Amino acid sequence: MARILIVDDSAVSRKKLRMILEAAKHEIVGEAGDGFEGFKKYEN
């Protein structure tokens, strides 16, 4: 399936979204708490 980087300022939302996406067989490649951190992780 898809490789996904989760970016959200709420840790609770990231956790719930991770659970939903993993149950749907998607690969979570990382998480970030804001757009700047997310962009840095995306570049690497």
N, C-alpha and C. Protein backbone atom coordinates (compact mmCIF):
# COMPACT_ATOMS: atom_id res chain seq x y z
N MET A 1 0.83 -1.19 0.00
CA MET A 1 0.00 0.00 0.00
C MET A 1 0.88 1.26 0.00
N ALA A 2 0.38 2.31 0.62
CA ALA A 2 1.07 3.60 0.62
C ALA A 2 2.09 3.71 1.76
N ARG A 3 3.12 4.50 1.53
CA ARG A 3 4.09 4.87 2.57
C ARG A 3 3.71 6.28 3.02
N ILE A 4 3.46 6.46 4.32
CA ILE A 4 2.85 7.69 4.81
C ILE A 4 3.68 8.33 5.93
N LEU A 5 3.84 9.65 5.85
CA LEU A 5 4.44 10.46 6.91
C LEU A 5 3.29 11.22 7.56
N ILE A 6 3.05 10.97 8.84
CA ILE A 6 1.95 11.62 9.56
C ILE A 6 2.46 12.93 10.16
N VAL A 7 1.75 14.03 9.88
CA VAL A 7 2.11 15.34 10.44
C VAL A 7 0.87 15.94 11.08
N ASP A 8 0.94 16.12 12.41
CA ASP A 8 -0.17 16.73 13.15
C ASP A 8 0.38 17.23 14.48
N ASP A 9 -0.13 18.34 14.96
CA ASP A 9 0.38 18.88 16.22
C ASP A 9 -0.16 18.15 17.45
N SER A 10 -1.13 17.30 17.27
CA SER A 10 -1.72 16.55 18.37
C SER A 10 -1.18 15.11 18.40
N ALA A 11 -0.49 14.76 19.49
CA ALA A 11 0.06 13.40 19.63
C ALA A 11 -1.06 12.36 19.63
N VAL A 12 -2.19 12.71 20.23
CA VAL A 12 -3.33 11.79 20.27
C VAL A 12 -3.85 11.52 18.86
N SER A 13 -3.97 12.57 18.06
CA SER A 13 -4.44 12.42 16.68
C SER A 13 -3.46 11.59 15.86
N ARG A 14 -2.16 11.83 16.04
CA ARG A 14 -1.16 11.04 15.31
C ARG A 14 -1.27 9.57 15.67
N LYS A 15 -1.44 9.28 16.95
CA LYS A 15 -1.54 7.89 17.40
C LYS A 15 -2.77 7.20 16.81
N LYS A 16 -3.92 7.88 16.85
CA LYS A 16 -5.16 7.30 16.31
C LYS A 16 -5.05 7.10 14.80
N LEU A 17 -4.49 8.10 14.11
CA LEU A 17 -4.34 8.00 12.67
C LEU A 17 -3.40 6.86 12.31
N ARG A 18 -2.32 6.71 13.07
CA ARG A 18 -1.38 5.61 12.84
C ARG A 18 -2.10 4.26 12.96
N MET A 19 -2.91 4.11 14.00
CA MET A 19 -3.64 2.85 14.21
C MET A 19 -4.57 2.55 13.03
N ILE A 20 -5.29 3.55 12.57
CA ILE A 20 -6.22 3.38 11.46
C ILE A 20 -5.48 3.00 10.18
N LEU A 21 -4.38 3.72 9.89
CA LEU A 21 -3.64 3.48 8.65
C LEU A 21 -2.92 2.13 8.67
N GLU A 22 -2.35 1.75 9.82
CA GLU A 22 -1.69 0.46 9.91
C GLU A 22 -2.69 -0.69 9.77
N ALA A 23 -3.89 -0.51 10.30
CA ALA A 23 -4.93 -1.53 10.17
C ALA A 23 -5.32 -1.71 8.70
N ALA A 24 -5.17 -0.64 7.92
CA ALA A 24 -5.47 -0.69 6.49
C ALA A 24 -4.24 -1.12 5.67
N LYS A 25 -3.20 -1.60 6.37
CA LYS A 25 -1.98 -2.13 5.75
C LYS A 25 -1.08 -1.09 5.09
N HIS A 26 -1.18 0.18 5.53
CA HIS A 26 -0.28 1.21 5.03
C HIS A 26 0.98 1.22 5.88
N GLU A 27 2.10 1.66 5.31
CA GLU A 27 3.36 1.75 6.04
C GLU A 27 3.56 3.18 6.53
N ILE A 28 3.72 3.34 7.84
CA ILE A 28 3.99 4.65 8.42
C ILE A 28 5.50 4.81 8.48
N VAL A 29 6.02 5.77 7.73
CA VAL A 29 7.47 5.96 7.65
C VAL A 29 7.98 6.96 8.69
N GLY A 30 7.07 7.70 9.34
CA GLY A 30 7.48 8.64 10.36
C GLY A 30 6.34 9.49 10.83
N GLU A 31 6.62 10.26 11.87
CA GLU A 31 5.65 11.19 12.43
C GLU A 31 6.34 12.52 12.74
N ALA A 32 5.58 13.58 12.66
CA ALA A 32 6.10 14.91 12.98
C ALA A 32 5.02 15.72 13.67
N GLY A 33 5.45 16.62 14.57
CA GLY A 33 4.52 17.43 15.33
C GLY A 33 4.15 18.75 14.69
N ASP A 34 4.85 19.13 13.60
CA ASP A 34 4.50 20.37 12.89
C ASP A 34 5.02 20.28 11.45
N GLY A 35 4.63 21.24 10.66
CA GLY A 35 4.99 21.23 9.24
C GLY A 35 6.48 21.33 8.99
N PHE A 36 7.18 22.13 9.79
CA PHE A 36 8.62 22.29 9.60
C PHE A 36 9.34 20.96 9.84
N GLU A 37 9.00 20.31 10.96
CA GLU A 37 9.59 19.01 11.28
C GLU A 37 9.21 17.97 10.22
N GLY A 38 7.98 18.03 9.76
CA GLY A 38 7.52 17.10 8.73
C GLY A 38 8.28 17.28 7.43
N PHE A 39 8.52 18.53 7.05
CA PHE A 39 9.26 18.79 5.82
C PHE A 39 10.70 18.30 5.93
N LYS A 40 11.33 18.50 7.10
CA LYS A 40 12.69 18.02 7.30
C LYS A 40 12.76 16.49 7.19
N LYS A 41 11.76 15.81 7.76
CA LYS A 41 11.74 14.35 7.68
C LYS A 41 11.47 13.91 6.25
N TYR A 42 10.65 14.63 5.53
CA TYR A 42 10.35 14.29 4.13
C TYR A 42 11.61 14.40 3.26
N GLU A 43 12.41 15.43 3.51
CA GLU A 43 13.63 15.64 2.72
C GLU A 43 14.63 14.51 2.92
N ASN A 44 14.68 13.94 4.11
CA ASN A 44 15.64 12.88 4.41
C ASN A 44 15.05 11.60 3.96
